[in-house]
Structure formats: C-alpha cells, structure tokens
Amino acid sequence: MNTSWRRASLVAAAAAVLALTTACGQETPSVGSQSVGATAPVGGLDNSGTGAGAGAGNGYGADGQQDSAGASKPAGQLAVSANAELGKVVTDSAGMTLYRFDADTAEPPKSNCDGDCATAWPPVPADDATAGAGIDKTLLGEVTRSDGTKQLTIGGWPAYRYAKDTQAGETSGQGVNSKWFALAPDGKKASLASLPGLSVKKTELGDIIVDKNGMTVYRFTKDQAWPKSVSACTGSCLEKWPAVAPVAENDVKGIVKKGLMPFTRPDGVKQMSIGCWPIYTFSGDKKPGDTNGQGVGGTWFAVSPEGKPVGAPE
C-alpha cells in the first residue's frame, strides 16, 4: 500500500511539473531576435474599459499641430551635435534635430509619411542642404515625395524635423511610437550604445524593464499567467498597448528569466511573457523613459526585473 501510494504521488508531482513547464507559453524560449514593441496607430478605447489613457491623438506624436519646425524651412548647412543620451545627432543650420522614420525605406529611398504625418513631422527640403563638419557629403541625397517636392535623405533615409521640437538641440521626437529616431551622421539611428532586447532601467518608479528602444514595458492585471499565458488585450486595446514581440533568451540583461518565453496569441501574433505574464509597450509613451502608462485604469503597470507589476495594489 505504501509503495503504491508513493508511486502515485510521484506520478502526480511529475504531471504538475510538466504542466508548469509546458503551460506557460508552450513554446521554447530560444527564439530569433525580433523587433520589440512594434507600435500600431493610436485610437479608440481598449476592450478592458480602462479608457484611452495618455497619448491619444492622431498617432504621429504631435496631434496634427505644427510649431516652429516648418516644412518649408531650408536645412542649410547640416551639423553634428553631441547629445548626452544619444551620441552624435544631425541638426540643420538652426540646430533643430533631424529624424528618420522606421516605416520609410532607404534602398530605394521612399517616404511613407504624408498628410497629418507630414504635419507632425515636416519633411526636410533637399534644395539647399549641404554637409558640414562630421558629415560625409556623399551620404546626402534626395527623394521625390508623393506631392512632387524633393526631400533630403541621409544614408538613403528621408529626413524630418519634429513639430514639437521648438528649440535648438531638443530631441523630444526620439522614440515616438517606437518608430521615430534621431539621425546619426551615417543615416543610422542615433544611439550611444544599442540596448538588449529587454533590460532594466532605473526610474522614479524604481527598477523597471524596457525594450530595445528604451521604451517602458507593462503588464495588464486582467491577463492570465496560469495555467497558460493569456492576453485579455485585443482589438483596439492592442492598438493602444502593442504586444512586445519575442526576444531571444540571450538578448536580455538584468531580468529574472523564470517564465521568460514567448507564446502565440489567438490572432497568431507571437508575444513575449515575463513570469508567464504577457508584456506590452504603451502608445502614449513618446520617448524612452516615459511611463505614461503607469496605473492607467488601475490595471496597467510597469514591470520589475522579477516580472512583478510595479505599484500595483496587493
């Protein structure tokens, strides 16, 4: 009797362990490196009833309002500015930061920013742009926009200003919607050093997890982590809170790896989980370091290195 009971106990324990290891994500955590936190257009309420939160607008980061960075202003002689957080950044002759857009292409050069987007992000005219110190003039070019105007390109990437940058040296467009980035002199994204797919950043909230673009990562308390990762954020909610795409296990730093794995959503999209909890970015965070999603609706919270929701009610 004792032997039979012991065998039954061992079988039950093994089944519990198997359920734990396969239910969370049900996929191997070793995946190829992918972009993290792809952002969908802002709009609508989420399906959780938590409301729009911060950052609602036209989806381009400037709510269609254009300030001093007018589309018709000439670029003049381009310069290289040293930025403490971003390293070397290209500016126009007035010291205004130039940006690139991930939805554009460099080979061949093509701008996909028109209409309201071009109001929020005025294209830089190519007409009189010249290379100043630190800029290779052979990297300067132009692309013909849909309206027939010529836009400056750097390393093939169409160049823009940001309507909310009103003073020389401002970089408020950096990281907007995880698609807009200051231009480095070689046409690449300005950066002192590339971040891992997921890492830890010290903030006023404490140590929290950020993605490869430095954007804050969040958890939704209405999600489910057991017996398997399940996202309760779908439809318009997912537009507001884009799912973080899978990250290779060796592409994280400072994070507890227990329960760190991808899972497949019902819509077929693969999403990363930490501690078996699905993780997201927030479209209302416009630049690295923003935590505008913290506490939205009492259900969205930044994530600690251990995978816990920072500041959530016990």
Protein backbone atom coordinates (compact mmCIF):
# COMPACT_ATOMS: atom_id res chain seq x y z
CA MET A 1 0.00 0.00 0.00
CA ASN A 2 2.76 2.43 0.94
CA THR A 3 4.64 1.63 -2.27
CA SER A 4 1.57 2.19 -4.43
CA TRP A 5 0.78 5.43 -2.67
CA ARG A 6 4.35 6.67 -3.16
CA ARG A 7 4.31 5.82 -6.86
CA ALA A 8 1.01 7.64 -7.31
CA SER A 9 2.41 10.68 -5.53
CA LEU A 10 5.49 10.73 -7.75
CA VAL A 11 3.35 10.49 -10.89
CA ALA A 12 1.15 13.36 -9.71
CA ALA A 13 4.18 15.51 -8.89
CA ALA A 14 5.74 14.82 -12.28
CA ALA A 15 2.50 15.76 -14.02
CA ALA A 16 2.34 19.03 -12.08
CA VAL A 17 5.91 19.92 -13.08
CA LEU A 18 5.19 19.04 -16.70
CA ALA A 19 2.08 21.23 -16.67
CA LEU A 20 4.06 24.11 -15.19
CA THR A 21 6.81 23.93 -17.79
CA THR A 22 4.54 23.48 -20.81
CA ALA A 23 1.52 25.62 -19.95
CA CYS A 24 3.38 28.93 -19.72
CA GLY A 25 3.92 29.88 -23.35
CA GLN A 26 4.01 26.26 -24.52
CA GLU A 27 6.96 27.15 -26.71
CA THR A 28 10.71 27.07 -26.45
CA PRO A 29 12.17 30.33 -25.09
CA SER A 30 15.05 30.23 -27.57
CA VAL A 31 13.82 32.32 -30.47
CA GLY A 32 15.44 34.51 -33.03
CA SER A 33 15.96 38.20 -32.31
CA GLN A 34 13.00 40.31 -33.42
CA SER A 35 11.92 43.89 -33.10
CA VAL A 36 10.36 44.64 -29.74
CA GLY A 37 7.28 46.71 -29.13
CA ALA A 38 6.07 47.36 -32.67
CA THR A 39 3.50 50.08 -32.40
CA ALA A 40 0.07 50.21 -34.01
CA PRO A 41 -1.76 53.51 -34.61
CA VAL A 42 -3.26 55.19 -31.58
CA GLY A 43 -7.03 55.25 -31.39
CA GLY A 44 -10.13 54.20 -29.53
CA LEU A 45 -10.70 52.73 -26.10
CA ASP A 46 -9.27 49.38 -25.15
CA ASN A 47 -11.61 46.46 -24.67
CA SER A 48 -10.94 46.40 -20.95
CA GLY A 49 -12.93 49.58 -20.30
CA THR A 50 -9.84 51.28 -18.88
CA GLY A 51 -10.16 54.25 -21.24
CA ALA A 52 -7.74 55.77 -23.69
CA GLY A 53 -5.20 56.96 -21.14
CA ALA A 54 -2.46 59.36 -22.12
CA GLY A 55 -1.26 59.98 -25.61
CA ALA A 56 -4.47 59.79 -27.61
CA GLY A 57 -4.29 61.82 -30.80
CA ASN A 58 -3.51 61.36 -34.46
CA GLY A 59 -0.95 58.63 -33.86
CA TYR A 60 2.00 60.66 -35.08
CA GLY A 61 3.04 62.20 -31.78
CA ALA A 62 2.16 65.84 -32.42
CA ASP A 63 -1.65 65.76 -32.71
CA GLY A 64 -1.51 67.39 -36.11
CA GLN A 65 -0.16 70.65 -34.74
CA GLN A 66 2.93 72.15 -36.30
CA ASP A 67 5.18 74.52 -34.40
CA SER A 68 8.34 76.34 -35.41
CA ALA A 69 9.83 73.47 -37.41
CA GLY A 70 8.01 74.50 -40.61
CA ALA A 71 8.02 72.17 -43.59
CA SER A 72 9.28 74.91 -45.92
CA LYS A 73 12.26 75.98 -43.85
CA PRO A 74 15.54 75.23 -45.63
CA ALA A 75 18.04 72.94 -43.96
CA GLY A 76 21.14 74.96 -44.81
CA GLN A 77 24.46 73.55 -43.66
CA LEU A 78 23.93 70.39 -41.64
CA ALA A 79 25.89 69.93 -38.44
CA VAL A 80 26.67 67.22 -35.89
CA SER A 81 25.56 67.82 -32.32
CA ALA A 82 26.76 65.84 -29.29
CA ASN A 83 23.84 64.57 -27.22
CA ALA A 84 24.45 63.12 -23.77
CA GLU A 85 21.89 60.33 -24.25
CA LEU A 86 22.06 59.70 -27.99
CA GLY A 87 25.63 60.45 -29.00
CA LYS A 88 26.13 62.19 -32.35
CA VAL A 89 22.94 63.68 -33.82
CA VAL A 90 22.44 65.52 -37.13
CA THR A 91 20.91 69.01 -36.92
CA ASP A 92 20.02 71.63 -39.51
CA SER A 93 21.60 75.06 -39.70
CA ALA A 94 19.28 76.31 -36.94
CA GLY A 95 20.28 73.47 -34.60
CA MET A 96 17.00 71.56 -34.97
CA THR A 97 17.29 67.78 -34.68
CA LEU A 98 16.64 65.68 -37.79
CA TYR A 99 14.81 62.35 -37.58
CA ARG A 100 14.14 59.18 -39.57
CA PHE A 101 11.00 57.03 -39.74
CA ASP A 102 11.06 53.23 -39.49
CA ALA A 103 8.16 52.92 -41.95
CA ASP A 104 10.30 54.56 -44.66
CA THR A 105 12.86 52.72 -46.76
CA ALA A 106 16.44 53.66 -47.64
CA GLU A 107 17.07 51.23 -50.52
CA PRO A 108 15.48 52.65 -52.55
CA PRO A 109 14.70 55.85 -50.64
CA LYS A 110 10.97 56.29 -50.07
CA SER A 111 8.92 58.41 -47.68
CA ASN A 112 5.74 56.92 -46.23
CA CYS A 113 4.87 59.99 -44.18
CA ASP A 114 2.18 62.17 -45.78
CA GLY A 115 -0.88 64.12 -44.70
CA ASP A 116 -1.20 64.51 -40.92
CA CYS A 117 2.05 62.61 -40.51
CA ALA A 118 3.94 65.21 -42.56
CA THR A 119 2.35 67.96 -40.48
CA ALA A 120 3.64 66.40 -37.27
CA TRP A 121 6.95 65.51 -38.94
CA PRO A 122 7.77 68.19 -41.55
CA PRO A 123 9.99 66.74 -44.32
CA VAL A 124 13.36 68.48 -44.65
CA PRO A 125 13.76 70.11 -48.10
CA ALA A 126 16.73 68.88 -50.10
CA ASP A 127 17.21 72.07 -52.11
CA ASP A 128 19.96 73.87 -50.19
CA ALA A 129 21.16 71.18 -47.76
CA THR A 130 24.95 70.93 -47.52
CA ALA A 131 27.28 68.81 -45.43
CA GLY A 132 29.02 70.46 -42.51
CA ALA A 133 31.89 69.15 -40.39
CA GLY A 134 31.50 65.49 -39.46
CA ILE A 135 29.04 64.67 -42.26
CA ASP A 136 30.05 62.77 -45.39
CA LYS A 137 28.57 64.72 -48.30
CA THR A 138 28.32 61.53 -50.37
CA LEU A 139 25.65 60.30 -47.93
CA LEU A 140 23.38 63.24 -48.72
CA GLY A 141 20.73 62.72 -51.36
CA GLU A 142 17.10 63.39 -52.14
CA VAL A 143 13.84 61.57 -52.73
CA THR A 144 10.80 62.79 -54.62
CA ARG A 145 7.73 62.81 -52.39
CA SER A 146 4.18 62.00 -53.48
CA ASP A 147 3.48 65.74 -53.86
CA GLY A 148 6.49 66.19 -56.16
CA THR A 149 8.71 68.02 -53.66
CA LYS A 150 12.29 66.96 -53.02
CA GLN A 151 13.13 65.69 -49.52
CA LEU A 152 16.62 65.39 -48.06
CA THR A 153 17.96 61.89 -47.44
CA ILE A 154 20.92 60.89 -45.28
CA GLY A 155 22.33 57.47 -45.94
CA GLY A 156 19.21 56.90 -48.03
CA TRP A 157 16.81 57.68 -45.17
CA PRO A 158 14.34 60.57 -45.67
CA ALA A 159 14.96 63.30 -43.07
CA TYR A 160 12.33 65.09 -40.97
CA ARG A 161 12.03 67.66 -38.22
CA TYR A 162 9.57 67.23 -35.34
CA ALA A 163 6.81 69.81 -34.78
CA LYS A 164 7.17 69.59 -31.01
CA ASP A 165 10.87 70.45 -31.09
CA THR A 166 10.72 74.23 -30.66
CA GLN A 167 14.28 74.98 -29.61
CA ALA A 168 17.70 74.02 -30.94
CA GLY A 169 19.02 70.79 -29.51
CA GLU A 170 15.66 69.34 -28.44
CA THR A 171 15.14 65.64 -29.15
CA SER A 172 11.53 65.14 -27.99
CA GLY A 173 10.84 63.12 -31.14
CA GLN A 174 13.26 60.38 -30.13
CA GLY A 175 11.47 57.05 -29.85
CA VAL A 176 7.97 58.39 -30.60
CA ASN A 177 5.66 55.43 -31.22
CA SER A 178 8.83 53.31 -31.32
CA LYS A 179 9.21 54.36 -34.97
CA TRP A 180 10.88 57.77 -34.97
CA PHE A 181 14.56 58.25 -34.14
CA ALA A 182 17.15 61.00 -34.32
CA LEU A 183 19.51 60.65 -37.28
CA ALA A 184 23.17 59.86 -36.77
CA PRO A 185 25.68 61.29 -39.31
CA ASP A 186 25.79 57.95 -41.18
CA GLY A 187 21.99 57.80 -41.53
CA LYS A 188 21.56 55.22 -38.80
CA LYS A 189 19.58 55.73 -35.60
CA ALA A 190 21.47 57.89 -33.13
CA SER A 191 22.50 55.84 -30.11
CA LEU A 192 25.36 55.77 -27.63
CA ALA A 193 25.00 52.01 -27.38
CA SER A 194 22.40 49.53 -28.50
CA LEU A 195 20.23 48.11 -25.74
CA PRO A 196 19.45 44.41 -25.34
CA GLY A 197 16.01 43.20 -26.40
CA LEU A 198 14.90 43.59 -22.78
CA SER A 199 16.88 45.24 -19.98
CA VAL A 200 16.49 47.12 -16.70
CA LYS A 201 16.38 50.90 -16.26
CA LYS A 202 16.42 52.94 -13.06
CA THR A 203 13.48 55.36 -12.90
CA GLU A 204 11.37 57.24 -10.36
CA LEU A 205 9.24 54.10 -10.18
CA GLY A 206 12.30 52.04 -9.29
CA ASP A 207 14.00 49.45 -11.50
CA ILE A 208 11.73 48.63 -14.44
CA ILE A 209 12.03 46.67 -17.67
CA VAL A 210 12.47 48.46 -21.01
CA ASP A 211 12.64 47.18 -24.58
CA LYS A 212 15.47 47.58 -27.12
CA ASN A 213 14.35 51.15 -27.83
CA GLY A 214 14.35 52.08 -24.14
CA MET A 215 10.53 52.12 -24.02
CA THR A 216 8.83 51.07 -20.78
CA VAL A 217 7.32 47.58 -20.68
CA TYR A 218 3.93 47.00 -18.97
CA ARG A 219 1.71 44.24 -17.56
CA PHE A 220 -2.10 44.11 -17.70
CA THR A 221 -3.65 42.78 -14.50
CA LYS A 222 -6.63 41.35 -16.40
CA ASP A 223 -4.33 38.96 -18.25
CA GLN A 224 -3.77 35.37 -17.15
CA ALA A 225 -0.46 33.69 -16.40
CA TRP A 226 -1.74 30.33 -15.19
CA PRO A 227 -2.33 27.67 -16.37
CA LYS A 228 -1.07 29.37 -19.55
CA SER A 229 -0.24 32.86 -20.78
CA VAL A 230 -3.45 34.51 -22.00
CA SER A 231 -3.80 38.14 -23.13
CA ALA A 232 -7.06 39.91 -22.35
CA CYS A 233 -5.96 42.87 -24.52
CA THR A 234 -7.32 42.54 -28.05
CA GLY A 235 -8.70 44.74 -30.81
CA SER A 236 -8.47 48.46 -30.06
CA CYS A 237 -6.78 47.67 -26.74
CA LEU A 238 -3.88 46.11 -28.64
CA GLU A 239 -3.59 49.27 -30.74
CA LYS A 240 -3.15 51.26 -27.55
CA TRP A 241 -0.91 48.64 -25.87
CA PRO A 242 1.21 46.92 -28.56
CA ALA A 243 2.38 43.41 -27.72
CA VAL A 244 6.11 43.01 -27.15
CA ALA A 245 7.44 40.59 -29.76
CA PRO A 246 9.62 37.59 -28.81
CA VAL A 247 13.17 38.24 -27.65
CA ALA A 248 15.98 35.68 -27.59
CA GLU A 249 16.85 34.45 -24.10
CA ASN A 250 20.45 35.60 -24.55
CA ASP A 251 19.26 39.08 -25.54
CA VAL A 252 18.11 40.17 -22.07
CA LYS A 253 20.03 41.79 -19.23
CA GLY A 254 19.25 42.09 -15.52
CA ILE A 255 15.93 40.24 -15.73
CA VAL A 256 14.87 37.14 -13.82
CA LYS A 257 14.47 34.55 -16.57
CA LYS A 258 11.88 32.37 -14.86
CA GLY A 259 8.83 32.30 -17.10
CA LEU A 260 10.63 34.35 -19.75
CA MET A 261 9.29 32.94 -23.01
CA PRO A 262 7.06 33.66 -25.99
CA PHE A 263 3.53 32.44 -26.55
CA THR A 264 1.19 32.58 -29.53
CA ARG A 265 -1.91 34.76 -29.26
CA PRO A 266 -5.24 33.58 -30.76
CA ASP A 267 -4.68 36.05 -33.63
CA GLY A 268 -1.42 34.26 -34.47
CA VAL A 269 0.86 37.03 -33.21
CA LYS A 270 3.74 35.87 -31.02
CA GLN A 271 4.11 37.82 -27.78
CA MET A 272 6.78 37.80 -25.09
CA SER A 273 5.96 36.95 -21.48
CA ILE A 274 7.85 37.51 -18.24
CA GLY A 275 6.95 35.27 -15.32
CA CYS A 276 4.39 33.85 -17.76
CA TRP A 277 2.65 37.27 -17.90
CA PRO A 278 2.20 38.87 -21.36
CA ILE A 279 4.07 42.18 -21.74
CA TYR A 280 3.33 45.32 -23.74
CA THR A 281 4.54 48.81 -24.54
CA PHE A 282 2.25 51.87 -24.46
CA SER A 283 1.49 54.05 -27.49
CA GLY A 284 1.15 57.02 -25.12
CA ASP A 285 4.85 56.80 -24.25
CA LYS A 286 6.50 59.07 -26.79
CA LYS A 287 10.17 58.71 -25.87
CA PRO A 288 12.47 56.45 -23.86
CA GLY A 289 11.95 56.90 -20.13
CA ASP A 290 8.27 57.84 -20.41
CA THR A 291 5.96 55.97 -18.01
CA ASN A 292 2.64 57.47 -19.07
CA GLY A 293 1.02 54.05 -18.97
CA GLN A 294 1.71 53.54 -15.27
CA GLY A 295 -1.54 52.93 -13.38
CA VAL A 296 -3.85 53.58 -16.36
CA GLY A 297 -7.30 52.31 -15.47
CA GLY A 298 -5.85 50.78 -12.32
CA THR A 299 -4.89 47.78 -14.46
CA TRP A 300 -1.65 48.67 -16.30
CA PHE A 301 1.71 48.74 -14.55
CA ALA A 302 5.41 48.86 -15.37
CA VAL A 303 7.26 45.60 -14.80
CA SER A 304 10.00 44.95 -12.25
CA PRO A 305 13.09 42.84 -13.09
CA GLU A 306 11.31 39.96 -11.31
CA GLY A 307 8.30 40.33 -13.59
CA LYS A 308 6.03 41.89 -10.96
CA PRO A 309 3.70 44.88 -11.64
CA VAL A 310 5.35 47.95 -10.07
CA GLY A 311 2.99 49.81 -7.75
CA ALA A 312 0.01 47.52 -8.30
CA PRO A 313 -2.37 47.03 -5.35
CA GLU A 314 -1.60 43.93 -3.32
